[in-house]
Protein backbone atom coordinates (compact mmCIF):
# COMPACT_ATOMS: atom_id res chain seq x y z
CA MET A 1 -0.12 0.25 0.07
CA PRO A 2 0.90 3.60 -0.76
CA SER A 3 2.32 5.62 2.11
CA SER A 4 -0.27 8.40 2.67
CA GLY A 5 -1.25 11.36 0.05
CA ILE A 6 0.24 8.87 -2.59
CA ILE A 7 -2.07 7.63 -5.84
CA LEU A 8 -0.78 4.84 -7.84
CA ARG A 9 -2.61 4.26 -11.45
CA PRO A 10 -1.72 2.88 -14.81
CA CYS A 11 -0.62 5.18 -16.73
CA ARG A 12 -3.51 7.03 -19.51
CA SER A 13 -2.04 8.04 -23.19
CA SER A 14 -2.78 11.65 -21.78
CA ASP A 15 0.19 11.01 -19.49
CA PHE A 16 2.65 10.89 -22.18
CA GLU A 17 3.79 14.86 -22.66
CA THR A 18 4.43 14.76 -18.29
CA LEU A 19 6.32 11.35 -18.08
CA PHE A 20 8.48 12.77 -21.15
CA THR A 21 8.77 15.70 -19.66
CA ILE A 22 10.21 13.76 -15.84
CA ASP A 23 12.45 11.53 -17.49
CA GLN A 24 13.84 14.47 -19.28
CA SER A 25 14.56 16.29 -15.87
CA CYS A 26 15.40 13.00 -14.30
CA PHE A 27 18.42 12.11 -16.37
CA SER A 28 21.49 13.97 -18.05
CA LYS A 29 20.27 14.78 -22.00
CA THR A 30 22.60 11.52 -22.49
CA ILE A 31 20.89 8.75 -20.66
CA ALA A 32 17.32 10.44 -20.71
CA TYR A 33 14.83 8.43 -23.20
CA GLY A 34 14.10 10.80 -26.70
CA ARG A 35 9.72 10.92 -27.19
CA SER A 36 9.95 7.93 -29.83
CA GLU A 37 11.88 5.88 -27.83
CA LEU A 38 9.45 6.19 -24.72
CA LYS A 39 6.64 5.82 -26.81
CA ARG A 40 7.99 2.34 -28.30
CA TYR A 41 8.70 1.28 -24.76
CA LEU A 42 5.15 2.33 -23.72
CA ASN A 43 3.63 0.42 -26.79
CA SER A 44 5.49 -2.63 -26.69
CA ASP A 45 4.00 -6.16 -25.39
CA GLY A 46 4.63 -6.00 -22.41
CA ALA A 47 4.87 -3.08 -21.04
CA TYR A 48 3.61 -2.07 -18.07
CA CYS A 49 3.54 1.52 -16.78
CA LEU A 50 2.07 2.51 -13.60
CA VAL A 51 2.08 6.41 -11.96
CA ALA A 52 2.31 8.03 -8.67
CA GLU A 53 -0.01 11.50 -7.77
CA LEU A 54 0.83 13.84 -4.59
CA SER A 55 -2.01 15.94 -4.88
CA GLY A 56 -2.94 15.60 -8.48
CA THR A 57 0.30 15.65 -9.43
CA ILE A 58 2.51 13.21 -10.74
CA ALA A 59 5.35 12.83 -9.18
CA GLY A 60 6.87 9.76 -10.52
CA PHE A 61 6.26 6.96 -12.64
CA ILE A 62 7.85 3.01 -13.13
CA LEU A 63 7.95 1.67 -16.87
CA THR A 64 8.63 -2.16 -16.47
CA GLN A 65 8.77 -5.22 -19.87
CA ARG A 66 7.72 -8.01 -18.72
CA SER A 67 8.66 -11.59 -21.49
CA ALA A 68 8.09 -14.74 -19.84
CA GLU A 69 8.85 -15.26 -16.31
CA LEU A 70 11.22 -11.74 -16.69
CA ALA A 71 10.76 -8.01 -16.38
CA HIS A 72 13.17 -5.28 -17.44
CA ILE A 73 12.50 -1.83 -15.02
CA ILE A 74 13.29 0.65 -18.16
CA THR A 75 13.18 3.16 -16.07
CA LEU A 76 11.48 4.97 -12.44
CA ASP A 77 11.57 8.77 -12.13
CA VAL A 78 10.90 10.51 -9.94
CA LEU A 79 10.79 14.74 -9.92
CA GLU A 80 13.24 15.81 -7.09
CA ALA A 81 10.65 17.46 -5.40
CA TYR A 82 9.17 14.34 -4.45
CA ARG A 83 12.07 12.05 -3.68
CA ARG A 84 12.66 10.63 -0.02
CA LYS A 85 8.81 10.04 0.52
CA SER A 86 8.72 7.23 -0.49
CA VAL A 87 6.81 7.25 -4.07
CA GLY A 88 9.86 5.73 -6.11
CA SER A 89 9.56 2.79 -3.24
CA SER A 90 5.35 2.06 -3.74
CA LEU A 91 6.34 2.09 -7.54
CA LEU A 92 8.59 -0.40 -7.03
CA ASP A 93 7.03 -2.38 -4.38
CA ALA A 94 3.27 -1.98 -6.98
CA ALA A 95 5.18 -3.17 -10.00
CA GLU A 96 7.19 -5.84 -7.99
CA ARG A 97 3.65 -7.29 -7.40
CA GLU A 98 2.22 -6.90 -10.84
CA ALA A 99 4.91 -8.60 -12.16
CA ALA A 100 4.94 -11.60 -9.62
CA SER A 101 1.50 -11.86 -9.50
CA ARG A 102 1.32 -12.59 -13.52
CA GLY A 103 4.48 -15.00 -13.07
CA VAL A 104 7.73 -13.23 -13.22
CA THR A 105 10.16 -14.84 -10.45
CA LEU A 106 12.87 -12.62 -11.63
CA MET A 107 13.36 -8.56 -12.26
CA TYR A 108 16.89 -6.98 -13.64
CA LEU A 109 17.29 -3.36 -14.74
CA GLU A 110 20.34 -1.98 -15.71
CA THR A 111 21.73 1.69 -13.21
CA ALA A 112 24.55 4.32 -14.46
CA THR A 113 27.89 3.06 -12.78
CA THR A 114 28.30 6.63 -11.80
CA ASN A 115 24.78 7.11 -10.24
CA LYS A 116 25.97 6.32 -6.15
CA ALA A 117 22.33 7.18 -5.33
CA ALA A 118 20.45 4.98 -7.26
CA ILE A 119 22.55 2.02 -6.86
CA ALA A 120 22.24 2.71 -2.72
CA LEU A 121 18.59 2.44 -3.41
CA TRP A 122 18.23 -0.22 -5.83
CA LYS A 123 20.71 -2.66 -3.14
CA SER A 124 18.55 -1.42 0.00
CA ARG A 125 15.47 -2.80 -1.90
CA GLY A 126 17.08 -6.65 -3.22
CA TYR A 127 18.85 -5.92 -6.29
CA ARG A 128 22.54 -7.25 -6.86
CA GLU A 129 24.48 -6.28 -9.48
CA THR A 130 25.29 -9.20 -12.32
CA GLY A 131 27.86 -7.45 -14.26
CA THR A 132 29.08 -4.43 -15.35
CA ILE A 133 27.31 -3.02 -19.30
CA GLU A 134 31.04 -1.55 -21.25
CA ASN A 135 29.46 1.73 -23.13
CA PHE A 136 25.81 0.95 -22.19
CA TYR A 137 25.35 5.01 -21.93
CA GLY A 138 27.32 6.11 -24.65
CA ARG A 139 30.96 6.42 -24.58
CA ALA A 140 32.81 5.82 -21.65
CA GLN A 141 29.14 5.77 -19.81
CA HIS A 142 29.04 2.34 -18.18
CA ALA A 143 26.33 0.18 -16.54
CA PHE A 144 26.11 -2.48 -13.70
CA GLU A 145 23.14 -5.01 -15.12
CA MET A 146 20.71 -5.58 -11.33
CA GLN A 147 18.62 -8.10 -10.66
CA LYS A 148 16.52 -8.90 -8.00
CA LEU A 149 14.55 -12.71 -7.72
CA LEU A 150 11.39 -11.92 -6.51
CA ALA A 151 8.79 -14.41 -4.42
CA ARG A 152 6.57 -16.41 -5.52
CA LYS A 153 3.39 -16.87 -5.34
CA SER A 154 2.23 -20.19 -3.54
CA LYS A 155 -1.35 -21.75 -3.63
CA VAL A 156 -2.67 -23.06 -0.52
CA LYS A 157 -3.06 -27.18 -0.89
CA GLY A 158 -7.27 -27.32 -1.92
CA CYS A 159 -7.36 -23.78 -3.04
CA PRO A 160 -7.18 -22.64 -6.83
């Protein structure tokens, strides 16, 4: 359940410009998604996008893409004014629950090797570094690949 005041909802097509603006403000130009790339991810098979609102304002969003038992966190963006207010954690918790409910057992992501705050966040949430991708964000801009095993939904004997 999200922290007080945070409302989570599925993204709507009318949110696109806001999501694009948030992504541009959260990342450098070399890392932020271009319009066509963000649209392609949002419209891809298995895409799941959830937004967090506070007082009617979109404070952040998470975009994932599912494929069989894997889910890729494309991006988790929270506007600076709303950081450290459980927005990112609420979005991540909800995305992990949704993925697990659809049979996903492993979530993974990439994060810049220089983004110490993001690395600390991911590690605090149970994600572990599994490798380094050279030049992922461009020349000499490397990324860690990180992943987390999700708890399998177990069925109670005698229940469907």
